Amino acid sequence: MKALLITSVFCLAVIVNLSGQATPQEMLNKAIYEEEVNGNLEEAMKLYLEIVDENSTDRTVTAEA
């Protein structure tokens, strides 16, 4: 019973951690919003560079960034 509880808590913690991470598409949308709506080019560039550096699986989003 104790092992089941520990396993359940661990799985829940992993799920919560993964759900908190932004997807590359969400990051791209935020970067575009910062650039076009807020006029914050500095923050937008940081986000674009982060997308390019950390995203190797979604090449479409990386290319757009």
C-alpha atoms as a PDB file:
ATOM      1  CA  MET A   1       0.000   0.000   0.000  1.00  0.00           C
ATOM      2  CA  LYS A   2       2.815   2.387   0.901  1.00  0.00           C
ATOM      3  CA  ALA A   3       4.622   1.644  -2.372  1.00  0.00           C
ATOM      4  CA  LEU A   4       1.441   2.347  -4.330  1.00  0.00           C
ATOM      5  CA  LEU A   5       1.023   5.691  -2.586  1.00  0.00           C
ATOM      6  CA  ILE A   6       4.627   6.687  -3.258  1.00  0.00           C
ATOM      7  CA  THR A   7       4.348   5.651  -6.906  1.00  0.00           C
ATOM      8  CA  SER A   8       1.102   7.590  -7.302  1.00  0.00           C
ATOM      9  CA  VAL A   9       2.589  10.740  -5.788  1.00  0.00           C
ATOM     10  CA  PHE A  10       5.654  10.446  -8.018  1.00  0.00           C
ATOM     11  CA  CYS A  11       3.540  10.022 -11.172  1.00  0.00           C
ATOM     12  CA  LEU A  12       1.385  12.986 -10.218  1.00  0.00           C
ATOM     13  CA  ALA A  13       4.474  15.140  -9.657  1.00  0.00           C
ATOM     14  CA  VAL A  14       5.860  14.208 -13.083  1.00  0.00           C
ATOM     15  CA  ILE A  15       2.552  14.991 -14.801  1.00  0.00           C
ATOM     16  CA  VAL A  16       2.268  18.369 -13.083  1.00  0.00           C
ATOM     17  CA  ASN A  17       5.849  19.237 -14.012  1.00  0.00           C
ATOM     18  CA  LEU A  18       5.377  18.316 -17.668  1.00  0.00           C
ATOM     19  CA  SER A  19       2.090  20.166 -17.983  1.00  0.00           C
ATOM     20  CA  GLY A  20       3.716  23.384 -16.773  1.00  0.00           C
ATOM     21  CA  GLN A  21       6.183  23.523 -19.646  1.00  0.00           C
ATOM     22  CA  ALA A  22       5.216  25.601 -22.642  1.00  0.00           C
ATOM     23  CA  THR A  23       5.152  23.917 -26.020  1.00  0.00           C
ATOM     24  CA  PRO A  24       7.244  25.397 -28.820  1.00  0.00           C
ATOM     25  CA  GLN A  25       4.063  26.635 -30.513  1.00  0.00           C
ATOM     26  CA  GLU A  26       2.950  28.394 -27.315  1.00  0.00           C
ATOM     27  CA  MET A  27       6.370  29.995 -26.979  1.00  0.00           C
ATOM     28  CA  LEU A  28       6.226  31.152 -30.602  1.00  0.00           C
ATOM     29  CA  ASN A  29       2.784  32.662 -30.080  1.00  0.00           C
ATOM     30  CA  LYS A  30       4.054  34.497 -27.006  1.00  0.00           C
ATOM     31  CA  ALA A  31       7.079  35.805 -28.914  1.00  0.00           C
ATOM     32  CA  ILE A  32       4.903  37.056 -31.763  1.00  0.00           C
ATOM     33  CA  TYR A  33       2.544  38.701 -29.267  1.00  0.00           C
ATOM     34  CA  GLU A  34       5.452  40.422 -27.506  1.00  0.00           C
ATOM     35  CA  GLU A  35       6.814  41.676 -30.821  1.00  0.00           C
ATOM     36  CA  GLU A  36       3.640  42.784 -32.570  1.00  0.00           C
ATOM     37  CA  VAL A  37       1.256  43.783 -29.768  1.00  0.00           C
ATOM     38  CA  ASN A  38       3.545  44.964 -26.987  1.00  0.00           C
ATOM     39  CA  GLY A  39       6.347  46.216 -29.233  1.00  0.00           C
ATOM     40  CA  ASN A  40       8.850  44.510 -26.928  1.00  0.00           C
ATOM     41  CA  LEU A  41      11.466  43.394 -29.450  1.00  0.00           C
ATOM     42  CA  GLU A  42      14.052  42.531 -26.813  1.00  0.00           C
ATOM     43  CA  GLU A  43      11.770  40.024 -25.055  1.00  0.00           C
ATOM     44  CA  ALA A  44      10.568  38.655 -28.390  1.00  0.00           C
ATOM     45  CA  MET A  45      14.155  37.999 -29.496  1.00  0.00           C
ATOM     46  CA  LYS A  46      14.892  36.168 -26.240  1.00  0.00           C
ATOM     47  CA  LEU A  47      11.882  33.940 -26.831  1.00  0.00           C
ATOM     48  CA  TYR A  48      12.761  33.326 -30.495  1.00  0.00           C
ATOM     49  CA  LEU A  49      16.311  32.334 -29.550  1.00  0.00           C
ATOM     50  CA  GLU A  50      15.039  30.068 -26.780  1.00  0.00           C
ATOM     51  CA  ILE A  51      12.750  28.325 -29.271  1.00  0.00           C
ATOM     52  CA  VAL A  52      15.617  27.765 -31.703  1.00  0.00           C
ATOM     53  CA  ASP A  53      18.027  26.577 -28.996  1.00  0.00           C
ATOM     54  CA  GLU A  54      15.661  24.187 -27.212  1.00  0.00           C
ATOM     55  CA  ASN A  55      13.450  22.885 -30.004  1.00  0.00           C
ATOM     56  CA  SER A  56      14.837  20.286 -32.351  1.00  0.00           C
ATOM     57  CA  THR A  57      11.703  18.203 -32.923  1.00  0.00           C
ATOM     58  CA  ASP A  58       9.221  20.696 -34.363  1.00  0.00           C
ATOM     59  CA  ARG A  59      11.141  22.057 -37.331  1.00  0.00           C
ATOM     60  CA  THR A  60       8.220  24.114 -38.625  1.00  0.00           C
ATOM     61  CA  VAL A  61       8.037  26.178 -35.437  1.00  0.00           C
ATOM     62  CA  THR A  62      11.822  26.459 -35.281  1.00  0.00           C
ATOM     63  CA  ALA A  63      11.967  27.718 -38.860  1.00  0.00           C
ATOM     64  CA  GLU A  64       9.249  30.284 -38.202  1.00  0.00           C
ATOM     65  CA  ALA A  65      11.079  31.545 -35.110  1.00  0.00           C
END
